Amino acid sequence: MHDISVNEQLTNAVHSEEQKLLACVHCGLCLEACPTYTLTGDENDSPRGRIYLMRAVVEEKLRSDSAAFKTHIDRCLGCRACEPVCPAGVEYGELLEASRATIYSRSAEKGLSYRLLRLALNHIWLHPARLRFAFAFARLLRQSGVAGLLLSSRLAGLFSKRFQFGLGLLVSSAPQLSAQTEQGGSEPRDLDQMKPALLFTGCVTEGLFARVNEATRRVLQVNSVRAEPPTKQVCCGALHAHAGDLEGARVLARQNIAAFGPGDVPVITNAGGCGAMLVSYGHLLADDSTFAARAQSFSARVRDVSQQLETKPIVSGAHLDDAVTYDASCHLLNGQHAIEAPLKVLRAIPNLDLVPLEGAERCCGGAGVYNLLEPEMSEGVLQEKLGHIRETGATLLATGNPGCQMQIGAGAQIAEMQLRVCHPVELLDISYRRAGFYRKSS
């Protein structure tokens, strides 16, 4: 007997997108754009195949708790690389989240990893004080050297590969650049008539990459924008949405909309995953009579720091010596459509040795917590990425999302590659410091 309640949940979730679901002409243009399909060669691991599965569940030809449905929906990275190449305009990311909502309702049946994820999302990520404590503990493990010691010692062999990679993710979040050794001070010069903006700091970014938020504020000030972070902002909800907990994502979305308030002041983010989630609030809360209009207005204000900087000529800094390559965050590319903007940030560094990266637009395999839930698939995608990075000969890689920084950084560390990973705005920040744009802090 079919599980009617779960099937109805999926049907309702995709109802507003039904025409786009049916509009898929199964042309196959999405196949080669899909990292999981190119890895496995399985049609069910392609966007086209997954849409077949979604339609089968909606039409009650396939049970929503079937192994085929759960396995192939879970295997999707959610990178949305299929969307730009789709001639029918199918908004695959929204259909994927709707499908995962049915799976999330049964996550207690799926093993320890998914039960732990559900526990963390419900009891840590929805509670800011607990989340801050969790990140403080993670920083303690990182800064004390405990995580690095466990990863590099003989004890590492006692742990599972998944746990080892988790340690690698934490270790790779440590600062990769020695900004304090550069010339100049640490405070931006006072600039008159700065344009106001609001900074979305993000939970992972603020928790493990606070230096990126600080660099973002300094770089924006040099470019005449003063970005202040609202104090009551919370997690963007991306992890919840990707896991299928859409109601948890809505709870966080409402809090952020209230925290940032009305108006037309830009909301600036420096994390591709967060930005893609923030710009989708309009869709997420479309059926909320209280927040629908506010969500649409909020989403229209969101822009990546690179998109904000490119609104006028970016102030040029000083030369840096490293050979740099750039890897595009999937959600920055496919969610926020920031294609050239991050490259313009890097090109504001005079004569930068910027080496093209083959497959820069393809996912690195991080995808939120995908690397911990689907480690084998994630590793397969990551190895392809690392291979292309080796070919560049670059010693420094810039990417605009903390998850990508940790994924590539951990992979490079375990593979013993001589590679540092950072955010593009960190490089521009150091370039500005060398150029003397910052005054000494008093």
Protein backbone atom coordinates (compact mmCIF):
# COMPACT_ATOMS: atom_id res chain seq x y z
CA MET A 1 0.00 0.00 0.00
CA HIS A 2 1.32 3.43 -0.91
CA ASP A 3 2.27 5.85 1.84
CA ILE A 4 -0.38 8.42 0.86
CA SER A 5 0.69 11.09 3.35
CA VAL A 6 4.28 11.19 2.12
CA ASN A 7 3.26 11.06 -1.55
CA GLU A 8 0.86 13.93 -0.93
CA GLN A 9 3.69 15.86 0.73
CA LEU A 10 5.81 15.58 -2.40
CA THR A 11 2.87 16.34 -4.67
CA ASN A 12 2.07 19.49 -2.70
CA ALA A 13 5.72 20.53 -2.53
CA VAL A 14 6.18 20.43 -6.30
CA HIS A 15 2.67 21.51 -7.25
CA SER A 16 3.68 25.11 -7.94
CA GLU A 17 6.49 23.82 -10.17
CA GLU A 18 4.43 21.09 -11.85
CA GLN A 19 4.52 22.66 -15.29
CA LYS A 20 8.31 23.00 -15.13
CA LEU A 21 8.55 19.39 -14.00
CA LEU A 22 6.44 18.30 -16.95
CA ALA A 23 8.33 20.71 -19.22
CA CYS A 24 11.46 18.59 -18.97
CA VAL A 25 11.84 17.29 -22.52
CA HIS A 26 14.48 14.73 -21.49
CA CYS A 27 16.87 16.09 -24.11
CA GLY A 28 19.91 14.97 -22.14
CA LEU A 29 21.79 18.27 -22.26
CA CYS A 30 22.04 18.10 -18.48
CA LEU A 31 23.88 14.77 -18.46
CA GLU A 32 27.43 15.91 -19.06
CA ALA A 33 26.92 18.90 -16.74
CA CYS A 34 26.07 16.55 -13.85
CA PRO A 35 29.08 15.45 -11.75
CA THR A 36 27.35 12.38 -10.33
CA TYR A 37 26.23 11.12 -13.73
CA THR A 38 29.70 11.52 -15.22
CA LEU A 39 31.10 9.68 -12.20
CA THR A 40 28.72 6.70 -12.17
CA GLY A 41 27.30 6.62 -15.71
CA ASP A 42 23.95 5.72 -14.16
CA GLU A 43 20.98 7.49 -15.77
CA ASN A 44 19.27 7.61 -12.37
CA ASP A 45 22.18 9.73 -11.11
CA SER A 46 21.44 12.42 -13.70
CA PRO A 47 18.97 15.32 -13.41
CA ARG A 48 16.86 13.76 -16.17
CA GLY A 49 16.76 10.43 -14.37
CA ARG A 50 15.93 12.00 -11.04
CA ILE A 51 13.06 13.95 -12.61
CA TYR A 52 11.71 10.65 -13.93
CA LEU A 53 11.80 9.35 -10.35
CA MET A 54 10.08 12.48 -9.01
CA ARG A 55 7.29 12.17 -11.57
CA ALA A 56 6.90 8.48 -10.80
CA VAL A 57 6.37 9.24 -7.11
CA VAL A 58 3.94 12.09 -7.79
CA GLU A 59 1.96 9.82 -10.15
CA GLU A 60 2.11 7.04 -7.52
CA LYS A 61 3.95 4.69 -9.83
CA LEU A 62 6.83 4.49 -7.35
CA ARG A 63 6.82 4.48 -3.57
CA SER A 64 8.46 7.52 -2.00
CA ASP A 65 10.24 5.25 0.45
CA SER A 66 11.64 3.02 -2.30
CA ALA A 67 15.38 2.38 -2.31
CA ALA A 68 15.74 3.75 -5.84
CA PHE A 69 14.11 7.07 -5.01
CA LYS A 70 16.04 7.62 -1.79
CA THR A 71 19.40 6.48 -3.13
CA HIS A 72 19.49 8.60 -6.26
CA ILE A 73 17.97 11.71 -4.69
CA ASP A 74 20.49 11.45 -1.84
CA ARG A 75 23.35 11.10 -4.31
CA CYS A 76 22.59 14.45 -5.92
CA LEU A 77 25.09 17.16 -4.97
CA GLY A 78 22.52 19.89 -5.45
CA CYS A 79 25.11 21.90 -7.40
CA ARG A 80 22.44 23.00 -9.92
CA ALA A 81 24.90 22.82 -12.81
CA CYS A 82 22.03 21.36 -14.82
CA GLU A 83 19.99 24.56 -14.66
CA PRO A 84 22.09 26.81 -16.94
CA VAL A 85 22.14 24.18 -19.71
CA CYS A 86 18.43 23.29 -19.51
CA PRO A 87 16.54 24.65 -22.55
CA ALA A 88 13.19 24.18 -20.76
CA GLY A 89 14.20 26.27 -17.75
CA VAL A 90 13.47 23.55 -15.22
CA GLU A 91 14.31 24.90 -11.75
CA TYR A 92 15.83 21.66 -10.63
CA GLY A 93 17.12 22.90 -7.28
CA GLU A 94 13.63 23.62 -6.02
CA LEU A 95 12.36 20.24 -7.20
CA LEU A 96 15.29 18.54 -5.46
CA GLU A 97 14.53 20.22 -2.15
CA ALA A 98 10.87 19.25 -2.44
CA SER A 99 11.88 15.64 -3.04
CA ARG A 100 14.26 15.62 -0.13
CA ALA A 101 11.48 16.84 2.13
CA THR A 102 9.86 13.42 1.78
CA ILE A 103 13.13 11.64 2.52
CA TYR A 104 13.87 13.84 5.54
CA SER A 105 10.61 12.74 7.13
CA ARG A 106 12.07 9.22 7.17
CA SER A 107 15.67 10.10 8.01
CA ALA A 108 15.42 8.26 11.34
CA GLU A 109 15.32 5.06 9.28
CA LYS A 110 18.44 5.85 7.27
CA GLY A 111 21.34 5.20 9.62
CA LEU A 112 23.48 6.96 12.20
CA SER A 113 24.81 9.75 9.94
CA TYR A 114 21.35 10.96 8.98
CA ARG A 115 20.07 10.68 12.55
CA LEU A 116 23.00 12.80 13.74
CA LEU A 117 22.32 15.34 10.98
CA ARG A 118 18.70 15.60 12.01
CA LEU A 119 19.71 16.00 15.66
CA ALA A 120 22.17 18.78 14.79
CA LEU A 121 19.74 20.64 12.56
CA ASN A 122 16.91 20.55 15.09
CA HIS A 123 18.79 21.00 18.34
CA ILE A 124 21.89 23.04 17.44
CA TRP A 125 21.41 25.00 14.20
CA LEU A 126 18.01 26.35 15.24
CA HIS A 127 19.45 27.66 18.52
CA PRO A 128 22.05 30.43 18.02
CA ALA A 129 23.63 30.14 21.49
CA ARG A 130 24.17 26.40 21.09
CA LEU A 131 25.55 26.90 17.60
CA ARG A 132 28.03 29.53 18.81
CA PHE A 133 29.16 27.11 21.53
CA ALA A 134 29.61 24.32 18.98
CA PHE A 135 31.79 26.50 16.75
CA ALA A 136 33.76 27.77 19.76
CA PHE A 137 34.54 24.15 20.63
CA ALA A 138 35.51 23.43 17.01
CA ARG A 139 37.86 26.43 17.00
CA LEU A 140 39.42 25.19 20.24
CA LEU A 141 40.15 21.82 18.66
CA ARG A 142 41.62 23.57 15.63
CA GLN A 143 43.68 26.24 17.36
CA SER A 144 45.00 23.94 20.08
CA GLY A 145 46.42 21.67 17.41
CA VAL A 146 44.48 18.66 18.67
CA ALA A 147 42.64 18.15 15.38
CA GLY A 148 45.85 18.41 13.35
CA LEU A 149 47.70 16.09 15.71
CA LEU A 150 45.00 13.44 15.47
CA LEU A 151 44.98 13.72 11.69
CA SER A 152 48.73 13.45 11.25
CA SER A 153 49.54 10.93 13.97
CA ARG A 154 49.48 7.16 13.88
CA LEU A 155 46.19 7.34 15.74
CA ALA A 156 44.51 8.48 12.53
CA GLY A 157 44.49 4.87 11.34
CA LEU A 158 42.19 3.99 14.22
CA PHE A 159 39.47 6.27 12.89
CA SER A 160 37.17 5.77 9.93
CA LYS A 161 38.00 7.56 6.68
CA ARG A 162 34.89 9.68 7.21
CA PHE A 163 36.10 10.83 10.62
CA GLN A 164 39.59 11.49 9.26
CA PHE A 165 38.14 13.63 6.50
CA GLY A 166 36.04 15.49 9.06
CA LEU A 167 39.24 16.32 10.93
CA GLY A 168 40.74 17.45 7.63
CA LEU A 169 37.81 19.78 7.05
CA LEU A 170 38.33 21.40 10.44
CA VAL A 171 42.10 21.73 10.04
CA SER A 172 41.70 23.23 6.56
CA SER A 173 39.50 26.01 7.94
CA ALA A 174 42.54 27.55 9.66
CA PRO A 175 44.01 30.74 8.13
CA GLN A 176 46.02 29.99 4.99
CA LEU A 177 47.52 33.46 4.52
CA SER A 178 49.91 35.34 6.79
CA ALA A 179 48.22 38.71 6.57
CA GLN A 180 49.90 40.00 9.70
CA THR A 181 53.29 39.91 7.98
CA GLU A 182 52.19 42.17 5.15
CA GLN A 183 52.95 45.87 5.01
CA GLY A 184 50.60 48.44 6.44
CA GLY A 185 48.10 48.38 9.30
CA SER A 186 44.92 46.48 9.95
CA GLU A 187 42.29 49.23 9.89
CA PRO A 188 40.77 50.82 6.76
CA ARG A 189 41.32 54.50 6.30
CA ASP A 190 38.36 56.74 7.04
CA LEU A 191 36.41 57.41 3.89
CA ASP A 192 33.71 60.02 3.53
CA GLN A 193 30.25 59.40 2.11
CA MET A 194 30.31 55.63 2.33
CA LYS A 195 27.25 53.83 1.04
CA PRO A 196 25.45 51.79 3.71
CA ALA A 197 25.06 48.03 3.43
CA LEU A 198 24.23 45.10 5.70
CA LEU A 199 26.58 42.14 6.03
CA PHE A 200 25.28 38.59 6.32
CA THR A 201 28.02 36.94 8.36
CA GLY A 202 26.83 33.30 8.10
CA CYS A 203 27.15 30.63 10.77
CA VAL A 204 30.06 28.63 9.32
CA THR A 205 31.82 31.74 8.03
CA GLU A 206 31.58 33.58 11.33
CA GLY A 207 32.25 30.42 13.31
CA LEU A 208 35.35 29.20 11.43
CA PHE A 209 36.21 31.94 8.91
CA ALA A 210 35.64 35.18 10.83
CA ARG A 211 38.74 36.53 9.09
CA VAL A 212 36.82 36.47 5.79
CA ASN A 213 34.05 38.62 7.27
CA GLU A 214 36.66 41.04 8.61
CA ALA A 215 38.43 41.18 5.24
CA THR A 216 35.08 41.72 3.51
CA ARG A 217 34.29 44.75 5.66
CA ARG A 218 37.73 46.27 5.08
CA VAL A 219 37.68 45.72 1.32
CA LEU A 220 34.20 47.19 1.05
CA GLN A 221 35.27 50.26 3.03
CA VAL A 222 38.17 50.87 0.67
CA ASN A 223 35.53 50.78 -2.08
CA SER A 224 33.32 53.29 -0.21
CA VAL A 225 30.79 50.84 1.25
CA ARG A 226 30.24 50.47 4.99
CA ALA A 227 28.72 47.04 5.70
CA GLU A 228 27.41 46.43 9.21
CA PRO A 229 26.14 43.04 10.46
CA PRO A 230 22.68 42.99 12.11
CA THR A 231 23.04 41.44 15.56
CA LYS A 232 19.98 39.16 15.45
CA GLN A 233 20.75 37.38 12.20
CA VAL A 234 20.88 33.58 12.24
CA CYS A 235 21.93 30.70 9.96
CA CYS A 236 20.65 31.12 6.40
CA GLY A 237 18.88 27.73 6.46
CA ALA A 238 20.77 26.17 3.55
CA LEU A 239 21.68 23.02 5.44
CA HIS A 240 18.05 22.53 6.43
CA ALA A 241 16.76 23.09 2.90
CA HIS A 242 19.36 20.79 1.32
CA ALA A 243 18.51 18.08 3.85
CA GLY A 244 14.80 18.44 3.14
CA ASP A 245 13.84 20.18 6.39
CA LEU A 246 12.02 23.00 4.64
CA GLU A 247 10.10 24.01 7.74
CA GLY A 248 13.35 24.46 9.66
CA ALA A 249 14.66 26.58 6.79
CA ARG A 250 11.51 28.71 6.93
CA VAL A 251 11.94 29.31 10.66
CA LEU A 252 15.43 30.67 10.06
CA ALA A 253 14.36 32.66 6.98
CA ARG A 254 11.68 34.51 8.94
CA GLN A 255 14.19 35.41 11.64
CA ASN A 256 16.67 36.78 9.11
CA ILE A 257 14.06 38.82 7.27
CA ALA A 258 13.05 40.38 10.58
CA ALA A 259 16.68 40.96 11.60
CA PHE A 260 17.62 42.76 8.38
CA GLY A 261 14.42 44.80 8.33
CA PRO A 262 12.70 46.57 5.43
CA GLY A 263 14.24 49.00 2.98
CA ASP A 264 16.51 48.84 -0.04
CA VAL A 265 19.93 48.70 1.64
CA PRO A 266 21.96 45.87 0.02
CA VAL A 267 22.42 42.64 1.95
CA ILE A 268 25.95 41.43 1.23
CA THR A 269 27.19 37.87 1.66
CA ASN A 270 30.60 36.33 1.05
CA ALA A 271 29.49 32.67 1.03
CA GLY A 272 28.08 31.22 -2.19
CA GLY A 273 25.93 28.67 -0.38
CA CYS A 274 24.43 31.27 1.94
CA GLY A 275 23.81 33.71 -0.88
CA ALA A 276 21.97 31.14 -2.99
CA MET A 277 19.75 30.35 -0.01
CA LEU A 278 19.06 34.00 0.79
CA VAL A 279 18.00 34.78 -2.77
CA SER A 280 15.54 31.86 -2.61
CA TYR A 281 13.63 33.16 0.42
CA GLY A 282 10.97 34.53 -1.92
CA HIS A 283 10.27 31.03 -3.20
CA LEU A 284 10.66 29.38 0.21
CA LEU A 285 8.05 31.65 1.83
CA ALA A 286 5.80 32.13 -1.19
CA ASP A 287 2.83 30.56 0.64
CA ASP A 288 3.37 32.50 3.88
CA SER A 289 0.79 35.30 3.85
CA THR A 290 2.73 37.28 6.46
CA PHE A 291 6.22 36.97 4.98
CA ALA A 292 5.75 36.35 1.24
CA ALA A 293 6.07 39.99 0.12
CA ARG A 294 8.82 40.72 2.66
CA ALA A 295 10.73 37.65 1.52
CA GLN A 296 10.59 38.72 -2.13
CA SER A 297 11.84 42.18 -1.20
CA PHE A 298 14.62 40.75 0.95
CA SER A 299 15.83 38.33 -1.73
CA ALA A 300 16.01 41.15 -4.27
CA ARG A 301 18.48 42.98 -2.00
CA VAL A 302 20.96 40.10 -1.67
CA ARG A 303 24.24 40.18 -3.54
CA ASP A 304 27.63 38.54 -3.19
CA VAL A 305 30.50 40.79 -2.12
CA SER A 306 31.97 40.44 -5.62
CA GLN A 307 28.68 41.57 -7.17
CA GLN A 308 28.64 44.60 -4.87
CA LEU A 309 32.22 45.48 -5.73
CA GLU A 310 31.67 45.24 -9.48
CA THR A 311 28.93 47.89 -9.40
CA LYS A 312 31.74 50.38 -10.01
CA PRO A 313 35.45 50.10 -10.85
CA ILE A 314 37.17 48.17 -8.07
CA VAL A 315 40.02 49.99 -6.36
CA SER A 316 43.32 48.43 -7.43
CA GLY A 317 45.80 47.28 -4.80
CA ALA A 318 49.42 46.11 -4.83
CA HIS A 319 50.99 43.16 -6.62
CA LEU A 320 51.08 39.69 -5.02
CA ASP A 321 53.66 37.11 -6.01
CA ASP A 322 51.76 33.83 -5.81
CA ALA A 323 50.39 31.90 -8.77
CA VAL A 324 46.63 31.77 -8.13
CA THR A 325 43.85 29.71 -9.63
CA TYR A 326 40.11 30.23 -9.10
CA ASP A 327 37.43 27.61 -8.46
CA ALA A 328 33.82 28.75 -8.78
CA SER A 329 31.43 27.96 -5.94
CA CYS A 330 28.48 26.08 -7.50
CA HIS A 331 25.86 28.08 -5.66
CA LEU A 332 27.62 31.37 -6.28
CA LEU A 333 27.69 30.47 -9.97
CA ASN A 334 24.32 28.78 -10.43
CA GLY A 335 22.35 30.29 -7.55
CA GLN A 336 23.53 33.91 -7.58
CA HIS A 337 24.78 33.92 -11.18
CA ALA A 338 28.07 35.56 -10.18
CA ILE A 339 30.21 34.47 -13.10
CA GLU A 340 32.68 37.24 -13.86
CA ALA A 341 32.36 39.24 -10.62
CA PRO A 342 34.76 37.10 -8.50
CA LEU A 343 37.32 37.18 -11.31
CA LYS A 344 37.07 40.98 -11.40
CA VAL A 345 37.92 41.01 -7.69
CA LEU A 346 41.07 39.01 -8.37
CA ARG A 347 41.98 41.14 -11.39
CA ALA A 348 41.95 44.22 -9.16
CA ILE A 349 45.28 42.87 -7.91
CA PRO A 350 47.82 44.25 -10.44
CA ASN A 351 49.59 41.71 -12.65
CA LEU A 352 48.27 38.78 -10.64
CA ASP A 353 49.43 35.42 -12.03
CA LEU A 354 45.90 34.02 -12.42
CA VAL A 355 46.05 30.52 -13.91
CA PRO A 356 42.85 29.14 -15.55
CA LEU A 357 41.45 25.99 -13.91
CA GLU A 358 39.87 23.36 -16.13
CA GLY A 359 36.44 22.45 -14.79
CA ALA A 360 36.36 25.46 -12.47
CA GLU A 361 32.57 25.50 -12.84
CA ARG A 362 32.16 21.89 -11.68
CA CYS A 363 31.36 20.93 -8.10
CA CYS A 364 34.18 19.99 -5.74
CA GLY A 365 32.04 17.44 -3.88
CA GLY A 366 31.54 19.40 -0.66
CA ALA A 367 27.87 20.36 -1.06
CA GLY A 368 27.14 21.22 2.57
CA VAL A 369 27.48 17.97 4.53
CA TYR A 370 27.32 15.77 1.43
CA ASN A 371 31.00 14.91 1.94
CA LEU A 372 30.14 13.27 5.27
CA LEU A 373 26.85 11.66 4.22
CA GLU A 374 27.98 10.36 0.81
CA PRO A 375 31.76 10.05 1.30
CA GLU A 376 32.50 7.76 -1.64
CA MET A 377 30.66 9.88 -4.19
CA SER A 378 32.13 13.03 -2.71
CA GLU A 379 35.65 11.65 -2.91
CA GLY A 380 35.19 10.68 -6.55
CA VAL A 381 34.12 14.21 -7.47
CA LEU A 382 36.89 15.74 -5.34
CA GLN A 383 39.64 13.67 -6.93
CA GLU A 384 38.72 14.99 -10.37
CA LYS A 385 38.91 18.54 -9.00
CA LEU A 386 42.28 17.97 -7.33
CA GLY A 387 43.66 16.51 -10.54
CA HIS A 388 42.81 19.67 -12.46
CA ILE A 389 44.24 21.85 -9.68
CA ARG A 390 47.56 19.97 -9.90
CA GLU A 391 47.66 20.68 -13.63
CA THR A 392 47.62 24.46 -13.01
CA GLY A 393 50.80 24.41 -10.94
CA ALA A 394 49.24 27.10 -8.72
CA THR A 395 50.13 27.18 -5.03
CA LEU A 396 47.09 29.21 -4.03
CA LEU A 397 43.44 28.58 -4.85
CA ALA A 398 40.68 31.15 -4.33
CA THR A 399 37.02 30.19 -3.99
CA GLY A 400 33.98 32.04 -2.71
CA ASN A 401 32.39 29.58 -0.29
CA PRO A 402 33.63 28.23 3.07
CA GLY A 403 32.39 24.71 2.32
CA CYS A 404 34.45 24.66 -0.87
CA GLN A 405 37.47 26.03 0.99
CA MET A 406 37.29 23.20 3.52
CA GLN A 407 36.52 20.46 0.97
CA ILE A 408 39.39 21.33 -1.36
CA GLY A 409 41.70 22.18 1.53
CA ALA A 410 41.07 18.86 3.28
CA GLY A 411 41.52 16.91 0.06
CA ALA A 412 44.77 18.73 -0.72
CA GLN A 413 46.09 18.16 2.78
CA ILE A 414 45.34 14.44 2.78
CA ALA A 415 46.90 14.16 -0.71
CA GLU A 416 49.95 16.10 0.57
CA MET A 417 49.56 18.81 -2.07
CA GLN A 418 51.34 22.12 -1.54
CA LEU A 419 48.19 24.20 -1.83
CA ARG A 420 46.67 26.99 0.23
CA VAL A 421 42.99 27.83 -0.14
CA CYS A 422 41.40 31.20 0.58
CA HIS A 423 38.56 33.54 -0.37
CA PRO A 424 39.16 36.03 -3.23
CA VAL A 425 38.39 38.92 -0.90
CA GLU A 426 41.21 37.80 1.41
CA LEU A 427 43.70 38.22 -1.43
CA LEU A 428 42.39 41.67 -2.29
CA ASP A 429 42.54 42.58 1.40
CA ILE A 430 46.25 41.69 1.55
CA SER A 431 46.80 43.56 -1.71
CA TYR A 432 45.23 46.67 -0.14
CA ARG A 433 47.35 46.28 2.97
CA ARG A 434 50.50 46.16 0.87
CA ALA A 435 49.34 49.23 -1.02
CA GLY A 436 49.09 51.14 2.28
CA PHE A 437 45.32 51.64 2.23
CA TYR A 438 45.00 50.71 5.89
CA ARG A 439 46.08 52.85 8.81
CA LYS A 440 47.71 51.52 11.94
CA SER A 441 45.12 50.70 14.59
CA SER A 442 45.53 52.80 17.71
